[in-house]
Amino acid sequence: MQKRIVVLGGVGFIGSHLCLRLLNDGHEVFCVDIRDTADSPLLRDMPPHPEFRYVRHNIVNAFGIRCDEIYNLAAPSRGRCPSSRSRSAYWGR
């Protein structure tokens, strides 16, 4: 069964591998990250895929995507204060 899956931090090493695996398994994937896909060799060189959506967004700010599953692999960017790190890791925003 195809699922609609959100991968927070999808441009990172683990996130980009997870995005590709989920696409290979037949799912619709939303890759959410503050970094561009050009920062990931895997995603940068990936041919266009109809089930892949890249969303450039800082998860400290609220957003909404209807989905079946969420994988939170987001890590704090350099220079953020500790309270933002805690919010992004614990609450997903």
C-alpha atoms as a PDB file:
ATOM      1  CA  MET A   1       0.000   0.000   0.000  1.00  0.00           C
ATOM      2  CA  GLN A   2       1.409   3.392  -0.979  1.00  0.00           C
ATOM      3  CA  LYS A   3       1.860   5.811   1.904  1.00  0.00           C
ATOM      4  CA  ARG A   4       2.417   9.549   1.972  1.00  0.00           C
ATOM      5  CA  ILE A   5       5.571   9.998   4.053  1.00  0.00           C
ATOM      6  CA  VAL A   6       7.327  13.128   5.355  1.00  0.00           C
ATOM      7  CA  VAL A   7      11.070  12.972   6.043  1.00  0.00           C
ATOM      8  CA  LEU A   8      12.235  15.897   8.180  1.00  0.00           C
ATOM      9  CA  GLY A   9      15.946  16.455   7.611  1.00  0.00           C
ATOM     10  CA  GLY A  10      15.719  14.595   4.318  1.00  0.00           C
ATOM     11  CA  VAL A  11      18.784  16.234   2.764  1.00  0.00           C
ATOM     12  CA  GLY A  12      21.185  14.802   5.360  1.00  0.00           C
ATOM     13  CA  PHE A  13      23.099  11.556   4.955  1.00  0.00           C
ATOM     14  CA  ILE A  14      20.549   9.275   6.625  1.00  0.00           C
ATOM     15  CA  GLY A  15      17.547  11.275   5.436  1.00  0.00           C
ATOM     16  CA  SER A  16      18.545  11.190   1.775  1.00  0.00           C
ATOM     17  CA  HIS A  17      19.113   7.422   1.912  1.00  0.00           C
ATOM     18  CA  LEU A  18      15.727   7.012   3.602  1.00  0.00           C
ATOM     19  CA  CYS A  19      14.000   9.149   0.937  1.00  0.00           C
ATOM     20  CA  LEU A  20      15.447   6.999  -1.838  1.00  0.00           C
ATOM     21  CA  ARG A  21      14.506   3.768  -0.057  1.00  0.00           C
ATOM     22  CA  LEU A  22      10.931   4.931   0.484  1.00  0.00           C
ATOM     23  CA  LEU A  23      10.633   5.958  -3.172  1.00  0.00           C
ATOM     24  CA  ASN A  24      11.966   2.539  -4.237  1.00  0.00           C
ATOM     25  CA  ASP A  25       9.329   0.951  -2.003  1.00  0.00           C
ATOM     26  CA  GLY A  26       6.621   2.844  -3.924  1.00  0.00           C
ATOM     27  CA  HIS A  27       5.727   5.626  -1.478  1.00  0.00           C
ATOM     28  CA  GLU A  28       5.082   9.323  -2.030  1.00  0.00           C
ATOM     29  CA  VAL A  29       7.879  11.197  -0.222  1.00  0.00           C
ATOM     30  CA  PHE A  30       8.038  14.773   1.045  1.00  0.00           C
ATOM     31  CA  CYS A  31      11.634  15.724   1.860  1.00  0.00           C
ATOM     32  CA  VAL A  32      11.543  18.686   4.269  1.00  0.00           C
ATOM     33  CA  ASP A  33      14.803  20.465   5.030  1.00  0.00           C
ATOM     34  CA  ILE A  34      16.231  23.945   5.399  1.00  0.00           C
ATOM     35  CA  ARG A  35      19.145  22.912   3.173  1.00  0.00           C
ATOM     36  CA  ASP A  36      18.861  22.585  -0.595  1.00  0.00           C
ATOM     37  CA  THR A  37      18.910  19.185  -2.291  1.00  0.00           C
ATOM     38  CA  ALA A  38      22.121  20.348  -4.000  1.00  0.00           C
ATOM     39  CA  ASP A  39      23.790  19.750  -0.596  1.00  0.00           C
ATOM     40  CA  SER A  40      23.107  16.021  -0.936  1.00  0.00           C
ATOM     41  CA  PRO A  41      25.011  14.088  -3.627  1.00  0.00           C
ATOM     42  CA  LEU A  42      22.288  11.417  -3.612  1.00  0.00           C
ATOM     43  CA  LEU A  43      19.375  13.797  -4.123  1.00  0.00           C
ATOM     44  CA  ARG A  44      21.257  16.229  -6.364  1.00  0.00           C
ATOM     45  CA  ASP A  45      21.986  13.512  -8.924  1.00  0.00           C
ATOM     46  CA  MET A  46      18.595  11.808  -8.623  1.00  0.00           C
ATOM     47  CA  PRO A  47      16.510  11.914 -11.814  1.00  0.00           C
ATOM     48  CA  PRO A  48      13.091  13.598 -11.420  1.00  0.00           C
ATOM     49  CA  HIS A  49      10.610  11.323  -9.690  1.00  0.00           C
ATOM     50  CA  PRO A  50       6.826  11.901  -9.791  1.00  0.00           C
ATOM     51  CA  GLU A  51       6.376  10.835  -6.154  1.00  0.00           C
ATOM     52  CA  PHE A  52       9.176  12.997  -4.690  1.00  0.00           C
ATOM     53  CA  ARG A  53       8.528  16.493  -3.324  1.00  0.00           C
ATOM     54  CA  TYR A  54      11.211  18.715  -1.825  1.00  0.00           C
ATOM     55  CA  VAL A  55       9.984  21.329   0.659  1.00  0.00           C
ATOM     56  CA  ARG A  56      12.529  23.930   1.777  1.00  0.00           C
ATOM     57  CA  HIS A  57      11.367  24.816   5.276  1.00  0.00           C
ATOM     58  CA  ASN A  58      12.749  25.475   8.752  1.00  0.00           C
ATOM     59  CA  ILE A  59      10.795  23.140  11.036  1.00  0.00           C
ATOM     60  CA  VAL A  60      11.097  25.573  13.951  1.00  0.00           C
ATOM     61  CA  ASN A  61       8.174  27.298  12.168  1.00  0.00           C
ATOM     62  CA  ALA A  62       4.850  25.503  11.884  1.00  0.00           C
ATOM     63  CA  PHE A  63       3.702  23.924   8.614  1.00  0.00           C
ATOM     64  CA  GLY A  64       1.241  21.290   7.545  1.00  0.00           C
ATOM     65  CA  ILE A  65       1.356  18.319   5.201  1.00  0.00           C
ATOM     66  CA  ARG A  66      -1.214  15.528   5.366  1.00  0.00           C
ATOM     67  CA  CYS A  67       0.677  12.290   5.680  1.00  0.00           C
ATOM     68  CA  ASP A  68       0.627   8.717   6.942  1.00  0.00           C
ATOM     69  CA  GLU A  69       4.089   8.689   8.541  1.00  0.00           C
ATOM     70  CA  ILE A  70       6.728  11.184   9.673  1.00  0.00           C
ATOM     71  CA  TYR A  71      10.438  10.480  10.122  1.00  0.00           C
ATOM     72  CA  ASN A  72      12.115  13.231  12.154  1.00  0.00           C
ATOM     73  CA  LEU A  73      15.811  13.191  11.270  1.00  0.00           C
ATOM     74  CA  ALA A  74      16.167  16.960  11.528  1.00  0.00           C
ATOM     75  CA  ALA A  75      19.201  18.270  13.371  1.00  0.00           C
ATOM     76  CA  PRO A  76      19.774  21.813  14.573  1.00  0.00           C
ATOM     77  CA  SER A  77      21.668  24.110  12.260  1.00  0.00           C
ATOM     78  CA  ARG A  78      24.859  25.712  13.490  1.00  0.00           C
ATOM     79  CA  GLY A  79      24.440  28.933  15.417  1.00  0.00           C
ATOM     80  CA  ARG A  80      21.011  28.253  16.849  1.00  0.00           C
ATOM     81  CA  CYS A  81      20.341  28.772  20.523  1.00  0.00           C
ATOM     82  CA  PRO A  82      19.855  25.662  22.720  1.00  0.00           C
ATOM     83  CA  SER A  83      16.119  26.256  23.144  1.00  0.00           C
ATOM     84  CA  SER A  84      15.603  25.963  19.364  1.00  0.00           C
ATOM     85  CA  ARG A  85      17.586  22.724  19.352  1.00  0.00           C
ATOM     86  CA  SER A  86      15.369  21.238  22.020  1.00  0.00           C
ATOM     87  CA  ARG A  87      12.187  22.277  20.224  1.00  0.00           C
ATOM     88  CA  SER A  88      13.256  20.849  16.862  1.00  0.00           C
ATOM     89  CA  ALA A  89      14.413  17.535  18.339  1.00  0.00           C
ATOM     90  CA  TYR A  90      11.560  17.006  20.789  1.00  0.00           C
ATOM     91  CA  TRP A  91       8.497  18.720  19.348  1.00  0.00           C
ATOM     92  CA  GLY A  92       9.463  18.633  15.676  1.00  0.00           C
ATOM     93  CA  ARG A  93       9.287  22.394  15.391  1.00  0.00           C
END
